[in-house]
Amino acid sequence: MQHKIKNPKINIVTLGCSKNVVDSENFMGHLHAGGLDVVHDSDAGDADVVLINTCGFIHDAKEESVQTILAYTEAKKSGYPQKVYVTGCLIQRYKTELQEAIPEVDGFFGLNEWDEMFCTIGIHLQKAIPDERIISTPKHYAYLKVAEGCNRSCSYCAIPLIRGRNISRPIEDLVAEAKQLVSQGVKEIILIAQDLTYYGLDIYKKRKLGELLHQLAPIKGLEWIRLHYTYPAQFPDDVLYAMRDYDNICKYIDVPLQHIDTEILHSMNRGIDSEGTIAFVEKVRRILPDAALRTTFIIGYPGETKAKFEALKKFVEQTRFDRLGVFAYSPEEGTPAYGLGNPVSEKMKQQRMDEIMDLQQNISLEINQAKIGKTFKVIIDREESDYWIGRTEFDSPEVDNEVLITKQGKDLQIGNFYQVKITDAEMFDLFGEIV
């Protein structure tokens, strides 16, 4: 039996996506409710216990998780931390292997082992209720996880293997949590799930994201609602109309398209082809002509010939996405695509990624320059050097463009909204002045 540290200070380290962030915030709430001192991603080096919430999605994320674990087990030799515990997706997937490889870790806990994890740390698990969550983001925005797991069967993706099937949360629970967050000062809520557009099919037998938006939008004090991680196949039209009809639903859609070649999309098991993808983008822009479209593509998937890559480049050039990211294909054990091998070299993947991003930089600069002279509602996220740093409704925190406003004696409030006129633009930043 492990020795428990009396009244330990606990540092929770979060790796990976925003869904992991929400899990860590729930950890913080439970531990705080149990009477423990909890910090998040602290560099102070004075925590008695470190709890690492890992990512196991793709190779680079797994590598970062392992290196983080090794760094803390090495620090443990000096006395701080005294205990290192690890949880999250990497552990769900590779628990046995990691137990053998890194015995210095004091406990590995899968995604369904929270009770055991908290008991090991020194508390009994409390019933999960919204006010037990402690947000780690700036207090004016927070993530709201609407579902766990995924029912999609994309051939390259290990998430269903790790997180299991989709489990939607009831609308009334989500509305209650949103109201709780707003009462704490949150002004922007970012809806997240592995696939937002699937929301409700398991418990309501129909897609309910549109209905959820209709329930959330009237909440007093909720100024922005943002959608992350949607799916192009069977995208519910009522979501687009809700975005059109409510001013506080950001005209922003994060929809990973992954590729444009029909053969590759079929091999990826995306449930949509090139023609359907193009039609989807056209529909979004017809209903929401001012919306910002954010997407990601997988580069170097098996079968991506030079001709197929050139078709993707042409699609990017013609479609002119507002926001775009690329990932190198990473073969994941246990997925259907794993048997296809990894025929595109890492060097070629990097070269193709660079080509796409060079193209996107020019597109982003042109889109940003077209905003010069226009005025936008901007939320202030932080101050940095000589600038206040904010975002428009077309930008999600940490991953998108920012608006830089010269201080020059201006006393702005973090978390408040201001009307800002854009005066200059770079590839991924705007500059503006308060109107």
Protein backbone atom coordinates (compact mmCIF):
# COMPACT_ATOMS: atom_id res chain seq x y z
CA MET A 1 0.00 0.00 0.00
CA GLN A 2 1.34 3.40 -0.99
CA HIS A 3 2.09 6.00 1.64
CA LYS A 4 -0.24 8.98 1.28
CA ILE A 5 1.17 12.47 1.75
CA LYS A 6 -0.78 14.48 4.30
CA ASN A 7 -2.43 17.58 2.74
CA PRO A 8 -0.33 17.50 -0.45
CA LYS A 9 -0.05 20.37 -2.90
CA ILE A 10 -0.99 18.98 -6.31
CA ASN A 11 0.10 20.26 -9.71
CA ILE A 12 -2.04 19.03 -12.61
CA VAL A 13 -0.19 19.08 -15.93
CA THR A 14 -2.40 18.94 -19.02
CA LEU A 15 -1.25 17.77 -22.44
CA GLY A 16 -3.27 17.47 -25.63
CA CYS A 17 -6.61 18.90 -26.64
CA SER A 18 -9.26 21.04 -24.97
CA LYS A 19 -11.21 17.90 -24.05
CA ASN A 20 -8.27 16.98 -21.82
CA VAL A 21 -8.38 20.50 -20.39
CA VAL A 22 -11.96 19.92 -19.24
CA ASP A 23 -11.00 16.61 -17.66
CA SER A 24 -8.16 18.32 -15.78
CA GLU A 25 -10.52 21.06 -14.61
CA ASN A 26 -12.82 18.38 -13.23
CA PHE A 27 -9.83 16.79 -11.48
CA MET A 28 -9.04 20.17 -9.93
CA GLY A 29 -12.61 20.59 -8.74
CA HIS A 30 -12.76 17.17 -7.13
CA LEU A 31 -9.38 17.57 -5.42
CA HIS A 32 -10.25 21.05 -4.17
CA ALA A 33 -13.60 19.74 -2.87
CA GLY A 34 -11.57 17.10 -1.04
CA GLY A 35 -9.69 19.85 0.80
CA LEU A 36 -6.46 19.72 -1.19
CA ASP A 37 -4.34 22.59 -2.56
CA VAL A 38 -4.41 22.36 -6.37
CA VAL A 39 -2.57 24.29 -9.10
CA HIS A 40 -2.56 23.85 -12.86
CA ASP A 41 0.51 23.68 -15.13
CA SER A 42 2.63 25.34 -12.46
CA ASP A 43 6.36 25.88 -13.04
CA ALA A 44 7.03 26.67 -9.38
CA GLY A 45 8.47 23.22 -8.68
CA ASP A 46 7.04 23.12 -5.16
CA ALA A 47 4.20 20.62 -5.63
CA ASP A 48 4.22 17.45 -3.54
CA VAL A 49 2.26 15.55 -6.17
CA VAL A 50 2.17 15.91 -9.95
CA LEU A 51 -0.76 14.46 -11.89
CA ILE A 52 -0.05 14.35 -15.64
CA ASN A 53 -3.05 14.18 -17.96
CA THR A 54 -1.60 12.74 -21.16
CA CYS A 55 -2.48 12.68 -24.86
CA GLY A 56 -2.15 9.55 -26.98
CA PHE A 57 -3.63 10.71 -30.28
CA ILE A 58 -0.69 10.80 -32.73
CA HIS A 59 3.04 10.09 -32.59
CA ASP A 60 4.16 13.61 -31.68
CA ALA A 61 1.58 13.86 -28.89
CA LYS A 62 2.61 10.48 -27.49
CA GLU A 63 6.26 11.51 -27.60
CA GLU A 64 5.50 14.76 -25.73
CA SER A 65 3.56 12.83 -23.09
CA VAL A 66 6.38 10.33 -22.52
CA GLN A 67 9.01 13.07 -22.33
CA THR A 68 6.90 14.98 -19.80
CA ILE A 69 6.53 11.88 -17.62
CA LEU A 70 10.28 11.26 -17.76
CA ALA A 71 11.02 14.88 -16.85
CA TYR A 72 8.90 14.68 -13.69
CA THR A 73 10.21 11.27 -12.63
CA GLU A 74 13.71 12.71 -12.97
CA ALA A 75 12.71 15.74 -10.87
CA LYS A 76 11.28 13.33 -8.30
CA LYS A 77 14.84 12.22 -7.49
CA SER A 78 15.44 15.69 -6.01
CA GLY A 79 12.42 15.45 -3.72
CA TYR A 80 9.85 17.57 -5.60
CA PRO A 81 7.51 16.15 -6.53
CA GLN A 82 7.37 13.28 -4.09
CA LYS A 83 4.76 11.43 -6.14
CA VAL A 84 4.07 11.30 -9.88
CA TYR A 85 0.73 9.98 -11.13
CA VAL A 86 -0.27 9.69 -14.77
CA THR A 87 -3.68 9.44 -16.44
CA GLY A 88 -5.32 10.29 -19.76
CA CYS A 89 -5.46 8.85 -23.27
CA LEU A 90 -1.87 7.56 -23.40
CA ILE A 91 -2.46 5.50 -20.27
CA GLN A 92 -5.79 4.18 -21.50
CA ARG A 93 -3.96 2.88 -24.57
CA TYR A 94 -0.54 1.82 -23.28
CA LYS A 95 -0.90 1.31 -19.53
CA THR A 96 0.81 -2.10 -19.33
CA GLU A 97 3.74 -1.07 -21.53
CA LEU A 98 4.29 2.16 -19.59
CA GLN A 99 4.14 0.42 -16.22
CA GLU A 100 7.02 -1.76 -17.38
CA ALA A 101 8.95 1.02 -19.10
CA ILE A 102 8.68 3.73 -16.39
CA PRO A 103 8.41 2.02 -12.99
CA GLU A 104 9.34 5.31 -11.26
CA VAL A 105 5.74 6.50 -11.77
CA ASP A 106 3.68 5.99 -8.59
CA GLY A 107 0.43 5.20 -10.35
CA PHE A 108 -1.05 4.85 -13.85
CA PHE A 109 -4.81 5.39 -14.19
CA GLY A 110 -6.99 4.84 -17.25
CA LEU A 111 -9.93 6.99 -18.28
CA ASN A 112 -12.39 4.94 -16.23
CA GLU A 113 -10.28 4.80 -13.09
CA TRP A 114 -10.90 8.21 -11.54
CA ASP A 115 -12.23 6.73 -8.30
CA GLU A 116 -9.06 4.68 -7.79
CA MET A 117 -6.89 7.65 -8.78
CA PHE A 118 -8.47 10.06 -6.29
CA CYS A 119 -8.44 7.44 -3.55
CA THR A 120 -4.71 6.88 -4.17
CA ILE A 121 -4.06 10.64 -3.96
CA GLY A 122 -6.05 10.82 -0.76
CA ILE A 123 -9.73 11.68 -1.31
CA HIS A 124 -12.95 9.87 -2.12
CA LEU A 125 -14.51 10.79 -5.45
CA GLN A 126 -17.31 13.34 -5.17
CA LYS A 127 -20.35 13.26 -7.44
CA ALA A 128 -19.58 15.28 -10.57
CA ILE A 129 -21.56 18.51 -10.54
CA PRO A 130 -20.79 21.70 -12.51
CA ASP A 131 -19.59 23.80 -9.58
CA GLU A 132 -16.91 21.21 -8.74
CA ARG A 133 -15.08 22.13 -11.92
CA ILE A 134 -12.38 24.79 -11.62
CA ILE A 135 -11.55 26.36 -14.97
CA SER A 136 -7.90 26.75 -15.88
CA THR A 137 -8.47 29.10 -18.80
CA PRO A 138 -8.69 32.88 -18.38
CA LYS A 139 -11.91 33.46 -16.44
CA HIS A 140 -13.78 35.04 -19.36
CA TYR A 141 -13.87 31.89 -21.53
CA ALA A 142 -14.31 28.18 -20.90
CA TYR A 143 -14.82 24.92 -22.75
CA LEU A 144 -18.07 22.97 -22.49
CA LYS A 145 -17.71 19.28 -23.37
CA VAL A 146 -21.04 18.11 -24.77
CA ALA A 147 -20.14 14.47 -25.34
CA GLU A 148 -17.48 11.87 -24.66
CA GLY A 149 -16.09 9.35 -27.14
CA CYS A 150 -16.86 8.99 -30.84
CA ASN A 151 -19.02 6.78 -33.07
CA ARG A 152 -17.18 7.70 -36.25
CA SER A 153 -14.89 5.09 -37.76
CA CYS A 154 -12.28 7.18 -39.56
CA SER A 155 -9.66 4.65 -40.60
CA TYR A 156 -6.65 6.60 -39.27
CA CYS A 157 -8.06 7.61 -35.88
CA ALA A 158 -7.48 5.83 -32.56
CA ILE A 159 -9.88 7.98 -30.51
CA PRO A 160 -12.77 5.47 -30.56
CA LEU A 161 -10.30 2.82 -29.38
CA ILE A 162 -9.21 5.08 -26.54
CA ARG A 163 -12.34 6.98 -25.55
CA GLY A 164 -15.04 4.51 -26.59
CA ARG A 165 -18.39 5.21 -28.23
CA ASN A 166 -20.15 8.56 -28.22
CA ILE A 167 -21.97 9.41 -25.00
CA SER A 168 -23.90 12.69 -25.22
CA ARG A 169 -24.70 14.70 -22.12
CA PRO A 170 -28.36 15.73 -21.64
CA ILE A 171 -29.27 19.22 -22.82
CA GLU A 172 -30.51 20.25 -19.37
CA ASP A 173 -27.15 19.33 -17.80
CA LEU A 174 -25.24 21.35 -20.40
CA VAL A 175 -27.51 24.38 -19.97
CA ALA A 176 -27.10 24.17 -16.19
CA GLU A 177 -23.31 24.03 -16.49
CA ALA A 178 -23.29 26.91 -18.97
CA LYS A 179 -25.32 29.04 -16.57
CA GLN A 180 -22.96 28.12 -13.75
CA LEU A 181 -19.96 29.16 -15.86
CA VAL A 182 -21.58 32.46 -16.80
CA SER A 183 -22.34 33.15 -13.13
CA GLN A 184 -18.59 32.79 -12.50
CA GLY A 185 -17.76 35.44 -15.10
CA VAL A 186 -17.42 33.37 -18.27
CA LYS A 187 -18.51 35.36 -21.34
CA GLU A 188 -17.47 32.95 -24.10
CA ILE A 189 -18.28 29.24 -24.11
CA ILE A 190 -16.56 26.96 -26.59
CA LEU A 191 -18.51 23.78 -27.33
CA ILE A 192 -16.29 20.75 -27.77
CA ALA A 193 -16.64 17.03 -28.52
CA GLN A 194 -14.87 14.62 -30.80
CA ASP A 195 -17.73 15.32 -33.22
CA LEU A 196 -20.17 18.07 -32.22
CA THR A 197 -22.52 17.34 -35.12
CA TYR A 198 -23.19 13.81 -33.80
CA TYR A 199 -24.46 15.26 -30.53
CA GLY A 200 -27.77 13.77 -29.37
CA LEU A 201 -28.04 10.80 -31.74
CA ASP A 202 -27.34 8.30 -28.97
CA ILE A 203 -29.74 9.63 -26.32
CA TYR A 204 -32.34 11.51 -28.39
CA LYS A 205 -32.16 9.41 -31.60
CA LYS A 206 -31.67 12.57 -33.64
CA ARG A 207 -29.01 15.27 -34.02
CA LYS A 208 -29.61 17.86 -31.33
CA LEU A 209 -26.76 20.38 -31.65
CA GLY A 210 -29.14 22.92 -33.17
CA GLU A 211 -31.59 22.49 -30.28
CA LEU A 212 -28.73 22.82 -27.79
CA LEU A 213 -27.74 26.13 -29.41
CA HIS A 214 -31.34 27.36 -29.13
CA GLN A 215 -31.22 26.56 -25.40
CA LEU A 216 -27.82 28.15 -24.78
CA ALA A 217 -28.10 31.33 -26.84
CA PRO A 218 -30.72 33.06 -24.60
CA ILE A 219 -28.58 32.71 -21.45
CA LYS A 220 -28.12 36.23 -20.11
CA GLY A 221 -24.48 37.27 -20.02
CA LEU A 222 -23.32 34.64 -22.51
CA GLU A 223 -21.87 36.89 -25.21
CA TRP A 224 -20.17 34.33 -27.46
CA ILE A 225 -20.81 30.65 -28.22
CA ARG A 226 -18.19 28.98 -30.39
CA LEU A 227 -18.23 25.57 -32.13
CA HIS A 228 -15.17 23.32 -32.26
CA TYR A 229 -14.67 19.96 -33.94
CA THR A 230 -17.58 19.48 -36.30
CA TYR A 231 -17.83 16.92 -39.10
CA PRO A 232 -18.72 17.66 -42.75
CA ALA A 233 -20.79 14.53 -43.51
CA GLN A 234 -24.46 14.97 -42.53
CA PHE A 235 -23.74 18.39 -41.03
CA PRO A 236 -27.14 19.50 -39.63
CA ASP A 237 -28.49 22.53 -41.47
CA ASP A 238 -30.36 23.79 -38.40
CA VAL A 239 -26.96 24.51 -36.81
CA LEU A 240 -26.09 26.87 -39.67
CA TYR A 241 -29.46 28.63 -39.35
CA ALA A 242 -29.03 28.99 -35.58
CA MET A 243 -25.62 30.56 -36.20
CA ARG A 244 -27.24 32.93 -38.67
CA ASP A 245 -30.12 33.89 -36.38
CA TYR A 246 -28.34 34.42 -33.03
CA ASP A 247 -25.86 37.27 -32.74
CA ASN A 248 -24.03 35.60 -29.86
CA ILE A 249 -23.24 32.40 -31.78
CA CYS A 250 -19.89 33.13 -33.39
CA LYS A 251 -19.82 32.91 -37.16
CA TYR A 252 -17.00 30.40 -36.87
CA ILE A 253 -16.90 26.73 -37.81
CA ASP A 254 -14.04 24.36 -37.06
CA VAL A 255 -14.55 21.47 -39.49
CA PRO A 256 -11.58 19.17 -40.22
CA LEU A 257 -11.95 18.09 -43.86
CA GLN A 258 -8.73 15.98 -43.88
CA HIS A 259 -8.43 15.79 -47.70
CA ILE A 260 -10.20 16.52 -50.97
CA ASP A 261 -9.35 13.46 -53.08
CA THR A 262 -12.31 11.06 -53.22
CA GLU A 263 -10.20 7.88 -53.13
CA ILE A 264 -8.34 9.06 -50.06
CA LEU A 265 -11.55 10.22 -48.37
CA HIS A 266 -13.08 6.79 -49.01
CA SER A 267 -9.98 5.06 -47.65
CA MET A 268 -10.18 7.36 -44.60
CA ASN A 269 -13.83 6.27 -44.23
CA ARG A 270 -14.95 9.89 -43.91
CA GLY A 271 -18.44 9.27 -45.30
CA ILE A 272 -18.08 12.05 -47.86
CA ASP A 273 -16.38 12.49 -51.24
CA SER A 274 -14.77 15.40 -53.05
CA GLU A 275 -18.05 16.59 -54.56
CA GLY A 276 -19.81 16.44 -51.20
CA THR A 277 -16.98 18.32 -49.49
CA ILE A 278 -17.11 21.14 -52.02
CA ALA A 279 -20.92 21.27 -51.77
CA PHE A 280 -20.68 21.50 -47.98
CA VAL A 281 -18.30 24.47 -48.12
CA GLU A 282 -20.53 26.19 -50.68
CA LYS A 283 -23.60 25.66 -48.48
CA VAL A 284 -21.88 27.12 -45.42
CA ARG A 285 -20.84 30.20 -47.36
CA ARG A 286 -24.28 30.59 -48.88
CA ILE A 287 -26.05 30.53 -45.51
CA LEU A 288 -23.25 32.26 -43.56
CA PRO A 289 -21.35 34.42 -46.06
CA ASP A 290 -19.32 36.14 -43.33
CA ALA A 291 -18.40 33.01 -41.37
CA ALA A 292 -14.79 32.04 -40.74
CA LEU A 293 -14.03 28.47 -41.79
CA ARG A 294 -11.25 26.68 -39.95
CA THR A 295 -10.07 23.29 -41.23
CA THR A 296 -7.23 20.80 -40.99
CA PHE A 297 -5.76 18.37 -43.50
CA ILE A 298 -3.78 15.16 -43.09
CA ILE A 299 -0.72 15.15 -45.31
CA GLY A 300 0.96 11.95 -46.50
CA TYR A 301 -1.91 9.53 -45.94
CA PRO A 302 -1.19 6.20 -47.74
CA GLY A 303 -2.02 6.59 -51.41
CA GLU A 304 -1.42 10.35 -51.52
CA THR A 305 0.32 10.60 -54.88
CA LYS A 306 1.80 13.80 -56.23
CA ALA A 307 -1.35 14.30 -58.34
CA LYS A 308 -3.64 13.86 -55.32
CA PHE A 309 -1.56 16.30 -53.31
CA GLU A 310 -1.65 18.84 -56.14
CA ALA A 311 -5.46 18.52 -56.16
CA LEU A 312 -5.46 19.31 -52.44
CA LYS A 313 -3.26 22.36 -53.03
CA LYS A 314 -5.61 23.56 -55.75
CA PHE A 315 -8.60 23.09 -53.43
CA VAL A 316 -6.89 25.14 -50.70
CA GLU A 317 -6.01 27.86 -53.20
CA GLN A 318 -9.54 28.07 -54.60
CA THR A 319 -11.46 27.72 -51.32
CA ARG A 320 -9.40 30.26 -49.36
CA PHE A 321 -10.01 29.02 -45.83
CA ASP A 322 -9.82 31.63 -43.11
CA ARG A 323 -7.87 29.29 -40.83
CA LEU A 324 -5.98 26.15 -41.82
CA GLY A 325 -3.69 23.62 -40.17
CA VAL A 326 -1.92 20.50 -41.40
CA PHE A 327 -0.81 17.27 -39.74
CA ALA A 328 1.58 14.63 -41.03
CA TYR A 329 -0.09 11.22 -41.26
CA SER A 330 0.83 9.08 -38.28
CA PRO A 331 0.07 5.32 -38.52
CA GLU A 332 -1.69 4.25 -35.33
CA GLU A 333 -1.75 0.67 -34.11
CA GLY A 334 -5.19 -0.91 -34.10
CA THR A 335 -6.69 1.40 -36.72
CA PRO A 336 -7.86 0.12 -40.13
CA ALA A 337 -5.34 2.35 -41.94
CA TYR A 338 -2.43 0.86 -40.01
CA GLY A 339 -2.31 -2.08 -42.42
CA LEU A 340 -1.74 0.30 -45.33
CA GLY A 341 1.75 1.03 -44.08
CA ASN A 342 3.42 4.41 -44.27
CA PRO A 343 4.58 4.74 -47.90
CA VAL A 344 4.99 8.54 -48.03
CA SER A 345 8.38 9.48 -46.57
CA GLU A 346 8.63 11.83 -43.61
CA LYS A 347 10.73 14.17 -45.74
CA MET A 348 8.02 14.28 -48.41
CA LYS A 349 5.30 14.84 -45.78
CA GLN A 350 7.22 17.81 -44.39
CA GLN A 351 7.81 19.23 -47.85
CA ARG A 352 4.10 18.98 -48.69
CA MET A 353 3.08 20.47 -45.35
CA ASP A 354 5.40 23.41 -46.00
CA GLU A 355 3.87 23.93 -49.44
CA ILE A 356 0.34 24.03 -48.05
CA MET A 357 1.26 26.40 -45.23
CA ASP A 358 3.21 28.71 -47.56
CA LEU A 359 0.07 28.91 -49.68
CA GLN A 360 -2.13 29.50 -46.64
CA GLN A 361 0.14 32.27 -45.32
CA ASN A 362 -0.47 34.29 -48.46
CA ILE A 363 -4.22 33.62 -48.31
CA SER A 364 -4.33 34.61 -44.64
CA LEU A 365 -2.43 37.83 -45.33
CA GLU A 366 -4.83 38.81 -48.13
CA ILE A 367 -7.89 38.03 -45.98
CA ASN A 368 -6.43 40.03 -43.09
CA GLN A 369 -5.48 43.00 -45.26
CA ALA A 370 -9.09 43.17 -46.49
CA LYS A 371 -10.09 43.90 -42.86
CA ILE A 372 -8.06 47.10 -42.64
CA GLY A 373 -10.40 50.01 -42.00
CA LYS A 374 -13.22 47.79 -40.69
CA THR A 375 -14.42 47.73 -37.08
CA PHE A 376 -14.93 44.51 -35.08
CA LYS A 377 -16.13 43.51 -31.64
CA VAL A 378 -13.01 42.30 -29.82
CA ILE A 379 -12.57 40.52 -26.49
CA ILE A 380 -9.35 41.26 -24.58
CA ASP A 381 -7.51 38.08 -23.53
CA ARG A 382 -4.33 39.49 -21.96
CA GLU A 383 -1.72 42.24 -21.97
CA GLU A 384 1.72 41.61 -23.36
CA SER A 385 4.61 44.08 -23.57
CA ASP A 386 3.25 47.23 -25.26
CA TYR A 387 -0.03 45.68 -26.41
CA TRP A 388 -3.44 44.56 -25.28
CA ILE A 389 -4.11 41.23 -27.03
CA GLY A 390 -7.64 40.38 -28.14
CA ARG A 391 -9.70 38.33 -30.59
CA THR A 392 -12.65 38.81 -32.92
CA GLU A 393 -15.53 36.33 -33.10
CA PHE A 394 -13.66 34.76 -36.04
CA ASP A 395 -10.79 33.61 -33.83
CA SER A 396 -10.58 30.91 -31.19
CA PRO A 397 -8.10 31.29 -28.31
CA GLU A 398 -4.55 29.98 -28.70
CA VAL A 399 -4.95 28.64 -32.24
CA ASP A 400 -6.10 31.60 -34.37
CA ASN A 401 -5.33 35.21 -35.21
CA GLU A 402 -5.06 37.88 -32.53
CA VAL A 403 -5.73 41.60 -32.50
CA LEU A 404 -2.91 43.75 -31.07
CA ILE A 405 -3.93 47.12 -29.63
CA THR A 406 -1.19 49.56 -28.61
CA LYS A 407 -1.51 50.46 -24.95
CA GLN A 408 -0.59 54.17 -25.17
CA GLY A 409 -2.21 54.90 -21.84
CA LYS A 410 -5.36 52.90 -22.60
CA ASP A 411 -6.59 51.09 -19.50
CA LEU A 412 -8.52 48.17 -20.97
CA GLN A 413 -10.02 45.36 -18.92
CA ILE A 414 -9.16 41.73 -19.64
CA GLY A 415 -12.36 39.86 -20.48
CA ASN A 416 -14.22 42.97 -21.67
CA PHE A 417 -15.40 43.65 -25.20
CA TYR A 418 -14.43 46.72 -27.24
CA GLN A 419 -15.08 48.04 -30.70
CA VAL A 420 -11.74 48.01 -32.51
CA LYS A 421 -10.89 49.50 -35.90
CA ILE A 422 -8.25 47.50 -37.79
CA THR A 423 -5.32 49.67 -38.86
CA ASP A 424 -2.80 47.13 -40.14
CA ALA A 425 -2.46 43.39 -40.82
CA GLU A 426 0.13 40.65 -40.95
CA MET A 427 -0.22 36.98 -41.97
CA PHE A 428 -1.63 35.86 -38.64
CA ASP A 429 -2.20 39.05 -36.66
CA LEU A 430 -4.29 42.21 -36.89
CA PHE A 431 -3.46 45.61 -35.41
CA GLY A 432 -6.16 47.99 -34.28
CA GLU A 433 -7.25 50.95 -32.20
CA ILE A 434 -10.20 51.41 -29.88
CA VAL A 435 -13.07 53.27 -31.52
